[in-house]
Amino acid sequence: MNKTLLCTLLLSFAGHACAQQATPDADFPDHLTGDIGPGVFRLERNILGKSDKTSVLPYAYFDYKRFFARLDTFGFKTVKMGAGYLELAARVNFDHMDAERGLNRRSNSIPIGIGTLQETRFGAFFLNAFYDVNKSNGTLLEAIYAAQVDIGRAHIYPQVGIERRSSAYNDYFYGVTASESAASGFRQYHAGASTTPMLGLTIEMPIAENWVGNITFRRKWLGNGIANSPIVNHSTENMGLVAINYHFK
């Protein structure tokens, strides 16, 4: 899919949604609902021998009218679809790599696309399809299922998912060109597409009136297109998060 076609499709969806906004809908309250607060993120830098990085970043998981924020994914709900809405979505990624050791710089991806959150009595299903409009021009597809288990005052959310990255996406970030190989000593590598399973667990606990604590851990088992790259350290990636959030009702 080229950039022009993608932008045309997204503008078409947005125009349809804006036309719908003239009709009040109980699904879109006119106030913010959800959680906002500071979070400490432990992000794994799984490339070129980099060590893990701990950062203090905003935590956001909320809805405001048709707009939503879900940690690293932001977007706009359009037309009703099943137990949710067709969504225009964008993701914030920090997957850049500075030029070093004979390798060229990789810029952050800018994935935009469509998705949906289907909230059912069996749990929540997150489905997204992204296209990187920045340098890789690759695609990223994902499907995640999350359940809710309540134990006392704690809410526990086990998650299982799968991610599919195209060859173009992977090759930009994890491939090694002939010129890079000659300059760096890493073997030349063309990264193929990858299928990556994921498991996660979130524990949410009230800590004061309108305040909640959040602990999240996720692990990905990288598909061969990524894991076999000579500049990747190992075949798993972890993400940890501890946040204290104000809960808007």
Protein backbone atom coordinates (compact mmCIF):
# COMPACT_ATOMS: atom_id res chain seq x y z
CA MET A 1 0.00 0.00 0.00
CA ASN A 2 1.51 3.37 -0.97
CA LYS A 3 1.32 6.51 1.16
CA THR A 4 -1.16 8.32 -1.10
CA LEU A 5 -3.66 5.46 -1.01
CA LEU A 6 -3.31 5.10 2.76
CA CYS A 7 -3.88 8.83 3.38
CA THR A 8 -6.94 8.79 1.08
CA LEU A 9 -8.47 5.88 3.00
CA LEU A 10 -7.81 7.48 6.38
CA LEU A 11 -9.26 10.84 5.32
CA SER A 12 -12.34 9.03 4.02
CA PHE A 13 -12.85 7.28 7.36
CA ALA A 14 -12.27 10.53 9.27
CA GLY A 15 -14.80 12.40 7.17
CA HIS A 16 -17.43 9.73 7.77
CA ALA A 17 -16.77 9.86 11.52
CA CYS A 18 -17.00 13.65 11.67
CA ALA A 19 -20.37 13.51 9.92
CA GLN A 20 -21.57 11.08 12.58
CA GLN A 21 -20.52 13.35 15.44
CA ALA A 22 -23.57 15.52 14.90
CA THR A 23 -25.64 12.71 16.46
CA PRO A 24 -25.21 12.36 20.26
CA ASP A 25 -24.01 8.91 21.32
CA ALA A 26 -23.97 7.55 24.88
CA ASP A 27 -20.77 5.65 24.05
CA PHE A 28 -18.89 8.96 23.84
CA PRO A 29 -19.20 10.91 27.12
CA ASP A 30 -18.16 14.56 26.96
CA HIS A 31 -15.61 14.12 29.73
CA LEU A 32 -12.39 12.18 30.14
CA THR A 33 -12.64 8.62 31.50
CA GLY A 34 -9.66 6.43 32.32
CA ASP A 35 -6.18 6.76 33.80
CA ILE A 36 -3.40 9.35 33.44
CA GLY A 37 -0.20 9.59 35.47
CA PRO A 38 3.58 9.15 35.55
CA GLY A 39 5.08 5.80 34.70
CA VAL A 40 8.52 4.21 35.00
CA PHE A 41 9.17 2.15 31.88
CA ARG A 42 11.88 -0.50 31.56
CA LEU A 43 12.51 -0.85 27.84
CA GLU A 44 14.84 -3.45 26.41
CA ARG A 45 17.38 -2.24 23.85
CA ASN A 46 17.87 -5.51 22.01
CA ILE A 47 20.34 -4.33 19.40
CA LEU A 48 24.12 -3.84 19.14
CA GLY A 49 24.82 -4.89 22.73
CA LYS A 50 22.75 -2.02 24.15
CA SER A 51 21.70 -2.25 27.79
CA ASP A 52 18.11 -1.87 28.96
CA LYS A 53 16.82 1.66 29.40
CA THR A 54 14.69 2.98 32.26
CA SER A 55 12.62 6.08 31.46
CA VAL A 56 9.98 8.16 33.23
CA LEU A 57 7.20 8.77 30.71
CA PRO A 58 3.51 9.70 30.84
CA TYR A 59 1.09 6.81 31.28
CA ALA A 60 -2.21 7.32 29.45
CA TYR A 61 -5.10 4.93 29.08
CA PHE A 62 -8.28 6.93 28.59
CA ASP A 63 -11.18 7.92 26.35
CA TYR A 64 -12.45 11.41 25.59
CA LYS A 65 -15.43 11.52 23.26
CA ARG A 66 -14.19 9.64 20.18
CA PHE A 67 -10.50 10.05 21.00
CA PHE A 68 -8.64 7.27 22.84
CA ALA A 69 -5.17 6.68 24.29
CA ARG A 70 -3.96 3.16 25.10
CA LEU A 71 -0.42 3.38 26.40
CA ASP A 72 1.52 3.69 23.10
CA THR A 73 -1.47 3.72 20.73
CA PHE A 74 -3.67 6.75 20.04
CA GLY A 75 -6.59 7.25 17.76
CA PHE A 76 -10.13 8.13 16.86
CA LYS A 77 -13.25 5.94 16.88
CA THR A 78 -15.29 6.08 13.68
CA VAL A 79 -18.20 3.81 12.73
CA LYS A 80 -19.74 1.14 14.94
CA MET A 81 -18.34 -2.34 14.26
CA GLY A 82 -19.42 -5.38 16.27
CA ALA A 83 -18.75 -4.85 19.97
CA GLY A 84 -16.60 -1.80 19.28
CA TYR A 85 -15.71 0.73 16.60
CA LEU A 86 -13.56 0.92 13.53
CA GLU A 87 -10.66 3.12 14.65
CA LEU A 88 -8.07 5.32 13.01
CA ALA A 89 -4.91 4.65 14.99
CA ALA A 90 -1.27 5.68 15.30
CA ARG A 91 1.49 4.27 17.44
CA VAL A 92 4.42 5.94 19.19
CA ASN A 93 7.59 3.85 18.82
CA PHE A 94 11.12 4.44 20.06
CA ASP A 95 12.87 1.97 17.76
CA HIS A 96 15.47 4.32 16.26
CA MET A 97 19.18 3.53 16.23
CA ASP A 98 21.95 6.10 15.91
CA ALA A 99 24.65 5.55 13.30
CA GLU A 100 27.51 3.64 14.89
CA ARG A 101 29.97 0.80 14.35
CA GLY A 102 29.63 1.14 10.59
CA LEU A 103 25.83 0.92 10.52
CA ASN A 104 23.53 3.64 9.22
CA ARG A 105 21.05 5.47 11.41
CA ARG A 106 17.53 4.02 11.69
CA SER A 107 14.72 6.56 12.31
CA ASN A 108 11.73 5.88 14.54
CA SER A 109 8.89 4.19 12.72
CA ILE A 110 5.62 6.11 12.42
CA PRO A 111 2.93 3.42 12.20
CA ILE A 112 -0.55 4.64 11.28
CA GLY A 113 -3.55 2.60 10.20
CA ILE A 114 -6.81 1.13 11.38
CA GLY A 115 -7.88 -1.06 14.27
CA THR A 116 -10.63 -1.98 16.69
CA LEU A 117 -11.18 -2.84 20.33
CA GLN A 118 -13.87 -5.47 20.69
CA GLU A 119 -15.07 -5.62 24.31
CA THR A 120 -17.07 -8.81 24.81
CA ARG A 121 -18.27 -10.89 27.77
CA PHE A 122 -15.37 -13.24 27.02
CA GLY A 123 -12.73 -10.51 27.26
CA ALA A 124 -11.25 -7.76 25.08
CA PHE A 125 -9.78 -8.23 21.60
CA PHE A 126 -7.36 -5.59 20.24
CA LEU A 127 -6.81 -5.77 16.46
CA ASN A 128 -4.56 -3.34 14.59
CA ALA A 129 -3.07 -2.98 11.11
CA PHE A 130 -0.35 -0.34 10.70
CA TYR A 131 1.74 1.00 7.85
CA ASP A 132 5.02 2.77 8.61
CA VAL A 133 4.81 6.07 6.78
CA ASN A 134 8.41 6.89 7.70
CA LYS A 135 11.50 5.12 6.33
CA SER A 136 10.72 1.39 6.26
CA ASN A 137 7.38 1.55 4.36
CA GLY A 138 6.56 -1.77 5.99
CA THR A 139 3.49 -3.14 7.71
CA LEU A 140 2.79 -4.26 11.26
CA LEU A 141 -0.26 -6.37 12.16
CA GLU A 142 -1.23 -7.42 15.67
CA ALA A 143 -3.96 -9.25 17.55
CA ILE A 144 -4.10 -9.25 21.37
CA TYR A 145 -6.60 -10.85 23.74
CA ALA A 146 -6.95 -9.63 27.34
CA ALA A 147 -9.10 -11.11 30.09
CA GLN A 148 -9.98 -9.66 33.52
CA VAL A 149 -9.71 -11.55 36.80
CA ASP A 150 -10.65 -9.79 40.06
CA ILE A 151 -8.95 -10.91 43.28
CA GLY A 152 -10.04 -8.82 46.23
CA ARG A 153 -9.52 -5.18 45.25
CA ALA A 154 -6.99 -6.05 42.57
CA HIS A 155 -7.83 -6.29 38.88
CA ILE A 156 -5.58 -8.71 36.98
CA TYR A 157 -5.39 -8.67 33.18
CA PRO A 158 -3.57 -11.61 31.52
CA GLN A 159 -2.81 -10.98 27.84
CA VAL A 160 -1.80 -13.13 24.90
CA GLY A 161 -1.10 -11.88 21.41
CA ILE A 162 0.72 -12.19 18.12
CA GLU A 163 2.48 -9.63 15.93
CA ARG A 164 3.32 -9.87 12.24
CA ARG A 165 5.94 -7.56 10.72
CA SER A 166 6.62 -7.41 7.00
CA SER A 167 10.00 -8.00 5.42
CA ALA A 168 10.31 -4.30 4.53
CA TYR A 169 9.68 -3.27 8.16
CA ASN A 170 12.22 -5.74 9.55
CA ASP A 171 14.85 -5.20 6.88
CA TYR A 172 15.01 -1.46 7.58
CA PHE A 173 15.65 -1.96 11.30
CA TYR A 174 17.49 -5.29 11.44
CA GLY A 175 18.96 -5.84 7.99
CA VAL A 176 22.64 -5.25 7.18
CA THR A 177 23.44 -3.98 3.67
CA ALA A 178 26.57 -4.90 1.75
CA SER A 179 28.12 -1.48 2.43
CA GLU A 180 27.24 -1.69 6.14
CA SER A 181 28.74 -5.17 6.31
CA ALA A 182 32.00 -3.96 4.78
CA ALA A 183 32.19 -1.01 7.21
CA SER A 184 31.05 -2.82 10.37
CA GLY A 185 32.19 -6.43 10.09
CA PHE A 186 28.66 -7.72 10.67
CA ARG A 187 27.61 -10.26 8.06
CA GLN A 188 25.27 -9.03 5.35
CA TYR A 189 21.67 -9.83 6.26
CA HIS A 190 18.30 -9.43 4.57
CA ALA A 191 15.54 -9.64 7.16
CA GLY A 192 12.40 -11.50 6.18
CA ALA A 193 8.92 -11.16 7.64
CA SER A 194 8.39 -12.31 11.23
CA THR A 195 5.63 -13.68 13.42
CA THR A 196 6.14 -12.85 17.10
CA PRO A 197 4.00 -14.26 19.96
CA MET A 198 3.55 -12.22 23.15
CA LEU A 199 2.43 -12.84 26.74
CA GLY A 200 1.67 -10.10 29.25
CA LEU A 201 0.26 -9.49 32.69
CA THR A 202 -1.12 -6.27 34.20
CA ILE A 203 -2.03 -5.87 37.86
CA GLU A 204 -4.08 -2.83 38.84
CA MET A 205 -4.73 -1.94 42.48
CA PRO A 206 -6.58 1.02 44.07
CA ILE A 207 -4.21 2.89 46.39
CA ALA A 208 -6.30 5.95 47.40
CA GLU A 209 -9.46 7.72 46.36
CA ASN A 210 -9.32 8.10 42.56
CA TRP A 211 -5.70 6.82 42.48
CA VAL A 212 -4.58 3.42 41.18
CA GLY A 213 -1.28 1.62 40.87
CA ASN A 214 -0.38 -0.32 37.72
CA ILE A 215 2.30 -2.98 37.21
CA THR A 216 2.74 -4.46 33.74
CA PHE A 217 5.15 -7.00 32.28
CA ARG A 218 5.23 -8.20 28.68
CA ARG A 219 7.52 -10.62 26.87
CA LYS A 220 7.85 -11.15 23.12
CA TRP A 221 9.49 -14.15 21.47
CA LEU A 222 10.93 -12.65 18.32
CA GLY A 223 10.26 -14.29 14.97
CA ASN A 224 13.19 -15.53 12.91
CA GLY A 225 13.22 -12.51 10.61
CA ILE A 226 14.30 -10.41 13.62
CA ALA A 227 16.00 -12.95 15.90
CA ASN A 228 18.44 -14.15 13.21
CA SER A 229 19.82 -10.66 12.56
CA PRO A 230 23.52 -10.32 13.44
CA ILE A 231 22.82 -6.99 15.19
CA VAL A 232 20.13 -8.40 17.53
CA ASN A 233 21.30 -9.53 20.97
CA HIS A 234 18.80 -12.28 21.77
CA SER A 235 15.50 -13.76 20.70
CA THR A 236 13.23 -12.30 23.41
CA GLU A 237 12.22 -8.75 24.33
CA ASN A 238 10.77 -7.62 27.65
CA MET A 239 8.89 -4.51 28.72
CA GLY A 240 8.16 -3.55 32.32
CA LEU A 241 6.06 -0.71 33.68
CA VAL A 242 5.17 0.69 37.10
CA ALA A 243 2.73 3.63 37.14
CA ILE A 244 0.64 5.63 39.61
CA ASN A 245 -2.41 7.09 37.90
CA TYR A 246 -5.33 9.35 38.59
CA HIS A 247 -8.54 7.59 37.63
CA PHE A 248 -11.11 9.79 35.85
CA LYS A 249 -14.67 8.47 36.05
